[in-house]
Amino acid sequence: MKRLLLLILCTVSVMPLLAQEKRGVISVSARENVVHRLPKDVAYVFPDFADATLNYDNGRFSVGCLNIRLLDNFILYIEEKTGDTLVLSNPDQVRDLVCMDTVYRIVNDCVVKVISEAGDRQLAQRFRLKLTEEQEDAGYSALPPSSTAVTGNVNRIDPSRNPDAKRDFSYKYERDYVLMDGDKVYPAKISSFNRLFPEKKKAIKAYVRDNDLDTGTRAGLVALFDFCAGN
């Protein structure tokens, strides 16, 4: 038993400090919404719906009680009068979502939380959720993407993921850190800093060395990004 516990602890400890991963299997009954079976801290960006502002590409904005569903990166909000959970119909027009003075964006089918920025270049935390259906032959097949048709301004919470029979699904939830240049996303490592700030390539190497900087931590990444950005 002690040996097994030690093995588990070792397995957890070797995971990168900047990356967090959760895996699990859920059983979904016929006609049951898959989202309802997922753990709340896996299914959504925020643990609960929160007051937030949506900023649009045309300069307009709106406020509401919002959340982002990671299964399909849909922006959801609670309708004030009825209390119903609705799906935002025009997500392509949204530039970003701001909650508690923190900016969130949907980029390349992932949700990112902006930590530091310098113009189009940003350091961010990325949230991803992958769902696969378990097969009887022990293989896996990707769950088909949602085909919800949005009508009018809003649409009811997506019903298209309700299986027609009892099914088992495995999920993989990941959080890691990335560097972004516009909509281009790179892993948060030294080579990516050199790519985003090529004029500071030598200075980056010296800064990391002279400050004994640990770029395997959030604090180290923030310090390096702020140095590169001149903040």
C-alpha atoms as a PDB file:
ATOM      1  CA  MET A   1       0.000   0.000   0.000  1.00  0.00           C
ATOM      2  CA  LYS A   2       2.833   2.394   0.919  1.00  0.00           C
ATOM      3  CA  ARG A   3       4.596   1.552  -2.324  1.00  0.00           C
ATOM      4  CA  LEU A   4       1.421   2.256  -4.315  1.00  0.00           C
ATOM      5  CA  LEU A   5       0.928   5.597  -2.558  1.00  0.00           C
ATOM      6  CA  LEU A   6       4.541   6.551  -3.256  1.00  0.00           C
ATOM      7  CA  LEU A   7       4.074   5.678  -6.923  1.00  0.00           C
ATOM      8  CA  ILE A   8       0.970   7.882  -7.113  1.00  0.00           C
ATOM      9  CA  LEU A   9       2.757  10.798  -5.463  1.00  0.00           C
ATOM     10  CA  CYS A  10       5.685  10.443  -7.842  1.00  0.00           C
ATOM     11  CA  THR A  11       3.347  10.379 -10.826  1.00  0.00           C
ATOM     12  CA  VAL A  12       1.718  13.621  -9.724  1.00  0.00           C
ATOM     13  CA  SER A  13       4.999  15.345  -8.878  1.00  0.00           C
ATOM     14  CA  VAL A  14       6.556  14.834 -12.305  1.00  0.00           C
ATOM     15  CA  MET A  15       3.757  16.776 -14.015  1.00  0.00           C
ATOM     16  CA  PRO A  16       4.864  20.255 -15.154  1.00  0.00           C
ATOM     17  CA  LEU A  17       4.233  22.953 -12.542  1.00  0.00           C
ATOM     18  CA  LEU A  18       2.554  25.160 -15.131  1.00  0.00           C
ATOM     19  CA  ALA A  19       0.200  22.510 -16.461  1.00  0.00           C
ATOM     20  CA  GLN A  20      -2.773  21.071 -14.624  1.00  0.00           C
ATOM     21  CA  GLU A  21      -4.820  18.179 -15.899  1.00  0.00           C
ATOM     22  CA  LYS A  22      -7.961  16.422 -14.739  1.00  0.00           C
ATOM     23  CA  ARG A  23      -9.333  13.220 -16.226  1.00  0.00           C
ATOM     24  CA  GLY A  24     -12.444  11.223 -15.522  1.00  0.00           C
ATOM     25  CA  VAL A  25     -15.272   9.097 -16.892  1.00  0.00           C
ATOM     26  CA  ILE A  26     -18.963   9.969 -16.736  1.00  0.00           C
ATOM     27  CA  SER A  27     -22.056   7.854 -17.441  1.00  0.00           C
ATOM     28  CA  VAL A  28     -24.839   9.680 -19.248  1.00  0.00           C
ATOM     29  CA  SER A  29     -28.400   8.345 -19.378  1.00  0.00           C
ATOM     30  CA  ALA A  30     -30.512   8.471 -22.515  1.00  0.00           C
ATOM     31  CA  ARG A  31     -31.693  12.021 -23.270  1.00  0.00           C
ATOM     32  CA  GLU A  32     -29.578  13.443 -20.446  1.00  0.00           C
ATOM     33  CA  ASN A  33     -27.472  16.517 -21.177  1.00  0.00           C
ATOM     34  CA  VAL A  34     -23.787  15.580 -21.119  1.00  0.00           C
ATOM     35  CA  VAL A  35     -22.849  18.909 -19.527  1.00  0.00           C
ATOM     36  CA  HIS A  36     -24.926  18.133 -16.449  1.00  0.00           C
ATOM     37  CA  ARG A  37     -22.764  15.091 -15.667  1.00  0.00           C
ATOM     38  CA  LEU A  38     -19.431  16.885 -15.880  1.00  0.00           C
ATOM     39  CA  PRO A  39     -17.854  18.344 -12.713  1.00  0.00           C
ATOM     40  CA  LYS A  40     -18.662  22.050 -12.496  1.00  0.00           C
ATOM     41  CA  ASP A  41     -15.000  23.084 -12.302  1.00  0.00           C
ATOM     42  CA  VAL A  42     -14.372  21.180 -15.535  1.00  0.00           C
ATOM     43  CA  ALA A  43     -17.463  22.143 -17.526  1.00  0.00           C
ATOM     44  CA  TYR A  44     -17.178  25.913 -17.121  1.00  0.00           C
ATOM     45  CA  VAL A  45     -14.496  28.598 -16.878  1.00  0.00           C
ATOM     46  CA  PHE A  46     -16.069  30.122 -13.754  1.00  0.00           C
ATOM     47  CA  PRO A  47     -17.300  27.975 -10.840  1.00  0.00           C
ATOM     48  CA  ASP A  48     -20.570  29.953 -10.936  1.00  0.00           C
ATOM     49  CA  PHE A  49     -22.137  32.458 -13.306  1.00  0.00           C
ATOM     50  CA  ALA A  50     -20.601  35.857 -12.603  1.00  0.00           C
ATOM     51  CA  ASP A  51     -21.206  39.504 -13.465  1.00  0.00           C
ATOM     52  CA  ALA A  52     -19.104  40.298 -16.509  1.00  0.00           C
ATOM     53  CA  THR A  53     -18.844  42.613 -19.511  1.00  0.00           C
ATOM     54  CA  LEU A  54     -18.813  41.549 -23.146  1.00  0.00           C
ATOM     55  CA  ASN A  55     -16.802  43.845 -25.418  1.00  0.00           C
ATOM     56  CA  TYR A  56     -17.656  43.661 -29.126  1.00  0.00           C
ATOM     57  CA  ASP A  57     -15.513  44.279 -32.191  1.00  0.00           C
ATOM     58  CA  ASN A  58     -17.647  47.284 -33.153  1.00  0.00           C
ATOM     59  CA  GLY A  59     -16.884  49.075 -29.866  1.00  0.00           C
ATOM     60  CA  ARG A  60     -20.185  48.289 -28.191  1.00  0.00           C
ATOM     61  CA  PHE A  61     -20.485  46.352 -24.936  1.00  0.00           C
ATOM     62  CA  SER A  62     -23.084  44.588 -22.813  1.00  0.00           C
ATOM     63  CA  VAL A  63     -23.168  43.348 -19.222  1.00  0.00           C
ATOM     64  CA  GLY A  64     -24.771  40.313 -17.659  1.00  0.00           C
ATOM     65  CA  CYS A  65     -24.427  37.225 -15.492  1.00  0.00           C
ATOM     66  CA  LEU A  66     -22.139  35.117 -17.703  1.00  0.00           C
ATOM     67  CA  ASN A  67     -20.084  31.969 -17.997  1.00  0.00           C
ATOM     68  CA  ILE A  68     -18.192  30.088 -20.722  1.00  0.00           C
ATOM     69  CA  ARG A  69     -18.940  26.406 -21.310  1.00  0.00           C
ATOM     70  CA  LEU A  70     -15.700  24.628 -22.144  1.00  0.00           C
ATOM     71  CA  LEU A  71     -17.307  21.719 -23.980  1.00  0.00           C
ATOM     72  CA  ASP A  72     -17.951  23.972 -26.966  1.00  0.00           C
ATOM     73  CA  ASN A  73     -16.696  27.391 -25.751  1.00  0.00           C
ATOM     74  CA  PHE A  74     -20.218  28.819 -25.900  1.00  0.00           C
ATOM     75  CA  ILE A  75     -20.818  32.018 -23.927  1.00  0.00           C
ATOM     76  CA  LEU A  76     -23.879  31.545 -21.702  1.00  0.00           C
ATOM     77  CA  TYR A  77     -25.861  34.076 -19.728  1.00  0.00           C
ATOM     78  CA  ILE A  78     -28.795  34.102 -17.341  1.00  0.00           C
ATOM     79  CA  GLU A  79     -31.819  35.983 -18.626  1.00  0.00           C
ATOM     80  CA  GLU A  80     -32.822  38.539 -15.993  1.00  0.00           C
ATOM     81  CA  LYS A  81     -36.597  38.241 -16.234  1.00  0.00           C
ATOM     82  CA  THR A  82     -36.993  34.467 -16.533  1.00  0.00           C
ATOM     83  CA  GLY A  83     -33.785  33.135 -14.942  1.00  0.00           C
ATOM     84  CA  ASP A  84     -33.283  30.852 -17.964  1.00  0.00           C
ATOM     85  CA  THR A  85     -29.792  29.918 -19.110  1.00  0.00           C
ATOM     86  CA  LEU A  86     -29.331  31.102 -22.693  1.00  0.00           C
ATOM     87  CA  VAL A  87     -26.628  30.872 -25.339  1.00  0.00           C
ATOM     88  CA  LEU A  88     -25.179  34.056 -26.816  1.00  0.00           C
ATOM     89  CA  SER A  89     -26.114  34.137 -30.493  1.00  0.00           C
ATOM     90  CA  ASN A  90     -23.276  36.318 -31.818  1.00  0.00           C
ATOM     91  CA  PRO A  91     -20.031  35.039 -30.233  1.00  0.00           C
ATOM     92  CA  ASP A  92     -18.046  35.785 -33.410  1.00  0.00           C
ATOM     93  CA  GLN A  93     -18.606  39.491 -32.774  1.00  0.00           C
ATOM     94  CA  VAL A  94     -17.208  39.367 -29.230  1.00  0.00           C
ATOM     95  CA  ARG A  95     -13.678  40.705 -28.779  1.00  0.00           C
ATOM     96  CA  ASP A  96     -13.329  39.657 -25.151  1.00  0.00           C
ATOM     97  CA  LEU A  97     -15.108  39.074 -21.861  1.00  0.00           C
ATOM     98  CA  VAL A  98     -14.046  40.952 -18.719  1.00  0.00           C
ATOM     99  CA  CYS A  99     -14.778  39.540 -15.263  1.00  0.00           C
ATOM    100  CA  MET A 100     -13.282  40.944 -12.022  1.00  0.00           C
ATOM    101  CA  ASP A 101     -10.909  43.124 -14.112  1.00  0.00           C
ATOM    102  CA  THR A 102      -9.558  40.032 -15.884  1.00  0.00           C
ATOM    103  CA  VAL A 103      -9.797  39.611 -19.653  1.00  0.00           C
ATOM    104  CA  TYR A 104     -10.872  36.303 -21.229  1.00  0.00           C
ATOM    105  CA  ARG A 105     -10.822  35.534 -24.944  1.00  0.00           C
ATOM    106  CA  ILE A 106     -11.841  32.624 -27.166  1.00  0.00           C
ATOM    107  CA  VAL A 107      -8.936  31.899 -29.503  1.00  0.00           C
ATOM    108  CA  ASN A 108      -8.430  28.876 -31.767  1.00  0.00           C
ATOM    109  CA  ASP A 109     -11.238  26.902 -30.085  1.00  0.00           C
ATOM    110  CA  CYS A 110      -9.746  27.502 -26.643  1.00  0.00           C
ATOM    111  CA  VAL A 111     -10.480  29.919 -23.823  1.00  0.00           C
ATOM    112  CA  VAL A 112      -7.562  32.038 -22.605  1.00  0.00           C
ATOM    113  CA  LYS A 113      -7.236  34.217 -19.513  1.00  0.00           C
ATOM    114  CA  VAL A 114      -4.940  37.173 -20.189  1.00  0.00           C
ATOM    115  CA  ILE A 115      -2.292  37.702 -17.496  1.00  0.00           C
ATOM    116  CA  SER A 116       0.009  40.306 -19.054  1.00  0.00           C
ATOM    117  CA  GLU A 117       0.000  42.062 -22.385  1.00  0.00           C
ATOM    118  CA  ALA A 118       2.009  44.356 -24.617  1.00  0.00           C
ATOM    119  CA  GLY A 119      -0.006  45.337 -27.657  1.00  0.00           C
ATOM    120  CA  ASP A 120      -0.935  42.183 -29.577  1.00  0.00           C
ATOM    121  CA  ARG A 121       1.500  40.066 -27.555  1.00  0.00           C
ATOM    122  CA  GLN A 122       0.113  38.421 -24.438  1.00  0.00           C
ATOM    123  CA  LEU A 123       0.918  35.959 -21.692  1.00  0.00           C
ATOM    124  CA  ALA A 124      -2.182  33.920 -20.884  1.00  0.00           C
ATOM    125  CA  GLN A 125      -3.531  30.846 -19.166  1.00  0.00           C
ATOM    126  CA  ARG A 126      -5.338  28.449 -21.503  1.00  0.00           C
ATOM    127  CA  PHE A 127      -8.358  26.263 -20.657  1.00  0.00           C
ATOM    128  CA  ARG A 128      -9.241  23.190 -22.739  1.00  0.00           C
ATOM    129  CA  LEU A 129     -11.746  20.348 -22.379  1.00  0.00           C
ATOM    130  CA  LYS A 130     -11.832  17.254 -24.585  1.00  0.00           C
ATOM    131  CA  LEU A 131     -14.679  14.742 -24.444  1.00  0.00           C
ATOM    132  CA  THR A 132     -14.568  11.311 -26.075  1.00  0.00           C
ATOM    133  CA  GLU A 133     -17.059   8.484 -26.150  1.00  0.00           C
ATOM    134  CA  GLU A 134     -15.847   5.185 -24.786  1.00  0.00           C
ATOM    135  CA  GLN A 135     -16.373   2.248 -27.140  1.00  0.00           C
ATOM    136  CA  GLU A 136     -17.071  -1.357 -26.202  1.00  0.00           C
ATOM    137  CA  ASP A 137     -13.949  -2.394 -28.102  1.00  0.00           C
ATOM    138  CA  ALA A 138     -11.927  -0.118 -25.755  1.00  0.00           C
ATOM    139  CA  GLY A 139     -11.261   2.347 -28.537  1.00  0.00           C
ATOM    140  CA  TYR A 140     -12.192   6.005 -28.523  1.00  0.00           C
ATOM    141  CA  SER A 141     -13.995   8.230 -30.959  1.00  0.00           C
ATOM    142  CA  ALA A 142     -14.371  11.958 -30.724  1.00  0.00           C
ATOM    143  CA  LEU A 143     -17.818  13.234 -29.792  1.00  0.00           C
ATOM    144  CA  PRO A 144     -19.306  15.011 -32.835  1.00  0.00           C
ATOM    145  CA  PRO A 145     -19.309  18.790 -32.501  1.00  0.00           C
ATOM    146  CA  SER A 146     -22.500  20.605 -31.644  1.00  0.00           C
ATOM    147  CA  SER A 147     -24.780  21.429 -34.562  1.00  0.00           C
ATOM    148  CA  THR A 148     -27.109  23.741 -32.657  1.00  0.00           C
ATOM    149  CA  ALA A 149     -28.860  26.242 -34.925  1.00  0.00           C
ATOM    150  CA  VAL A 150     -29.160  29.621 -33.224  1.00  0.00           C
ATOM    151  CA  THR A 151     -32.430  31.386 -33.970  1.00  0.00           C
ATOM    152  CA  GLY A 152     -33.275  34.934 -33.001  1.00  0.00           C
ATOM    153  CA  ASN A 153     -31.043  36.569 -30.423  1.00  0.00           C
ATOM    154  CA  VAL A 154     -30.583  33.601 -28.090  1.00  0.00           C
ATOM    155  CA  ASN A 155     -30.969  29.855 -27.976  1.00  0.00           C
ATOM    156  CA  ARG A 156     -31.798  27.522 -25.094  1.00  0.00           C
ATOM    157  CA  ILE A 157     -28.938  25.584 -23.567  1.00  0.00           C
ATOM    158  CA  ASP A 158     -27.643  23.236 -26.247  1.00  0.00           C
ATOM    159  CA  PRO A 159     -29.686  19.990 -26.322  1.00  0.00           C
ATOM    160  CA  SER A 160     -27.776  18.384 -29.193  1.00  0.00           C
ATOM    161  CA  ARG A 161     -25.380  16.487 -26.938  1.00  0.00           C
ATOM    162  CA  ASN A 162     -28.107  14.365 -25.366  1.00  0.00           C
ATOM    163  CA  PRO A 163     -27.283  10.726 -26.297  1.00  0.00           C
ATOM    164  CA  ASP A 164     -30.111   8.501 -27.517  1.00  0.00           C
ATOM    165  CA  ALA A 165     -28.996   5.702 -25.189  1.00  0.00           C
ATOM    166  CA  LYS A 166     -26.896   5.363 -22.050  1.00  0.00           C
ATOM    167  CA  ARG A 167     -23.267   6.139 -22.882  1.00  0.00           C
ATOM    168  CA  ASP A 168     -19.946   6.502 -21.100  1.00  0.00           C
ATOM    169  CA  PHE A 169     -17.660   9.409 -21.889  1.00  0.00           C
ATOM    170  CA  SER A 170     -14.131  10.199 -20.789  1.00  0.00           C
ATOM    171  CA  TYR A 171     -13.057  13.792 -20.326  1.00  0.00           C
ATOM    172  CA  LYS A 172      -9.678  15.494 -20.203  1.00  0.00           C
ATOM    173  CA  TYR A 173      -9.459  18.999 -18.755  1.00  0.00           C
ATOM    174  CA  GLU A 174      -6.236  20.962 -19.158  1.00  0.00           C
ATOM    175  CA  ARG A 175      -4.909  24.295 -17.955  1.00  0.00           C
ATOM    176  CA  ASP A 176      -1.540  25.556 -19.119  1.00  0.00           C
ATOM    177  CA  TYR A 177       0.255  28.806 -19.966  1.00  0.00           C
ATOM    178  CA  VAL A 178       0.788  30.186 -23.444  1.00  0.00           C
ATOM    179  CA  LEU A 179       2.162  33.186 -25.280  1.00  0.00           C
ATOM    180  CA  MET A 180       0.014  34.811 -27.934  1.00  0.00           C
ATOM    181  CA  ASP A 181       0.690  37.114 -30.839  1.00  0.00           C
ATOM    182  CA  GLY A 182      -2.742  38.132 -32.046  1.00  0.00           C
ATOM    183  CA  ASP A 183      -4.507  34.823 -32.682  1.00  0.00           C
ATOM    184  CA  LYS A 184      -1.287  32.816 -32.863  1.00  0.00           C
ATOM    185  CA  VAL A 185      -0.690  30.698 -29.751  1.00  0.00           C
ATOM    186  CA  TYR A 186       2.666  29.319 -28.588  1.00  0.00           C
ATOM    187  CA  PRO A 187       3.711  27.266 -25.534  1.00  0.00           C
ATOM    188  CA  ALA A 188       5.087  29.435 -22.728  1.00  0.00           C
ATOM    189  CA  LYS A 189       8.794  28.632 -23.004  1.00  0.00           C
ATOM    190  CA  ILE A 190      12.026  30.482 -23.772  1.00  0.00           C
ATOM    191  CA  SER A 191      11.955  29.722 -27.495  1.00  0.00           C
ATOM    192  CA  SER A 192       8.497  31.318 -27.719  1.00  0.00           C
ATOM    193  CA  PHE A 193       9.706  34.436 -25.894  1.00  0.00           C
ATOM    194  CA  ASN A 194      12.527  34.639 -28.433  1.00  0.00           C
ATOM    195  CA  ARG A 195       9.973  34.348 -31.239  1.00  0.00           C
ATOM    196  CA  LEU A 196       7.743  37.118 -29.861  1.00  0.00           C
ATOM    197  CA  PHE A 197      10.610  39.402 -28.825  1.00  0.00           C
ATOM    198  CA  PRO A 198      13.433  38.621 -31.320  1.00  0.00           C
ATOM    199  CA  GLU A 199      15.172  41.947 -30.637  1.00  0.00           C
ATOM    200  CA  LYS A 200      15.662  40.874 -26.994  1.00  0.00           C
ATOM    201  CA  LYS A 201      16.927  37.353 -27.577  1.00  0.00           C
ATOM    202  CA  LYS A 202      20.328  37.958 -25.922  1.00  0.00           C
ATOM    203  CA  ALA A 203      18.785  40.058 -23.168  1.00  0.00           C
ATOM    204  CA  ILE A 204      16.295  37.287 -22.368  1.00  0.00           C
ATOM    205  CA  LYS A 205      19.075  34.758 -21.887  1.00  0.00           C
ATOM    206  CA  ALA A 206      21.003  37.150 -19.630  1.00  0.00           C
ATOM    207  CA  TYR A 207      17.906  38.130 -17.620  1.00  0.00           C
ATOM    208  CA  VAL A 208      16.990  34.509 -16.916  1.00  0.00           C
ATOM    209  CA  ARG A 209      20.573  33.680 -15.937  1.00  0.00           C
ATOM    210  CA  ASP A 210      21.290  36.752 -13.816  1.00  0.00           C
ATOM    211  CA  ASN A 211      18.030  36.507 -11.905  1.00  0.00           C
ATOM    212  CA  ASP A 212      18.076  32.726 -11.582  1.00  0.00           C
ATOM    213  CA  LEU A 213      14.578  32.879 -13.044  1.00  0.00           C
ATOM    214  CA  ASP A 214      12.404  29.778 -12.891  1.00  0.00           C
ATOM    215  CA  THR A 215      10.293  29.887 -16.056  1.00  0.00           C
ATOM    216  CA  GLY A 216       8.530  26.757 -14.885  1.00  0.00           C
ATOM    217  CA  THR A 217       6.423  28.896 -12.563  1.00  0.00           C
ATOM    218  CA  ARG A 218       3.736  31.492 -13.173  1.00  0.00           C
ATOM    219  CA  ALA A 219       5.768  34.135 -11.301  1.00  0.00           C
ATOM    220  CA  GLY A 220       8.801  33.432 -13.474  1.00  0.00           C
ATOM    221  CA  LEU A 221       6.798  33.728 -16.689  1.00  0.00           C
ATOM    222  CA  VAL A 222       5.182  36.982 -15.588  1.00  0.00           C
ATOM    223  CA  ALA A 223       8.554  38.455 -14.622  1.00  0.00           C
ATOM    224  CA  LEU A 224      10.101  37.478 -17.974  1.00  0.00           C
ATOM    225  CA  PHE A 225       7.143  38.751 -20.007  1.00  0.00           C
ATOM    226  CA  ASP A 226       7.117  42.079 -18.160  1.00  0.00           C
ATOM    227  CA  PHE A 227      10.861  42.395 -18.759  1.00  0.00           C
ATOM    228  CA  CYS A 228      10.430  41.738 -22.467  1.00  0.00           C
ATOM    229  CA  ALA A 229       7.487  44.122 -22.688  1.00  0.00           C
ATOM    230  CA  GLY A 230       9.371  46.799 -20.769  1.00  0.00           C
ATOM    231  CA  ASN A 231       6.660  46.946 -18.081  1.00  0.00           C
END
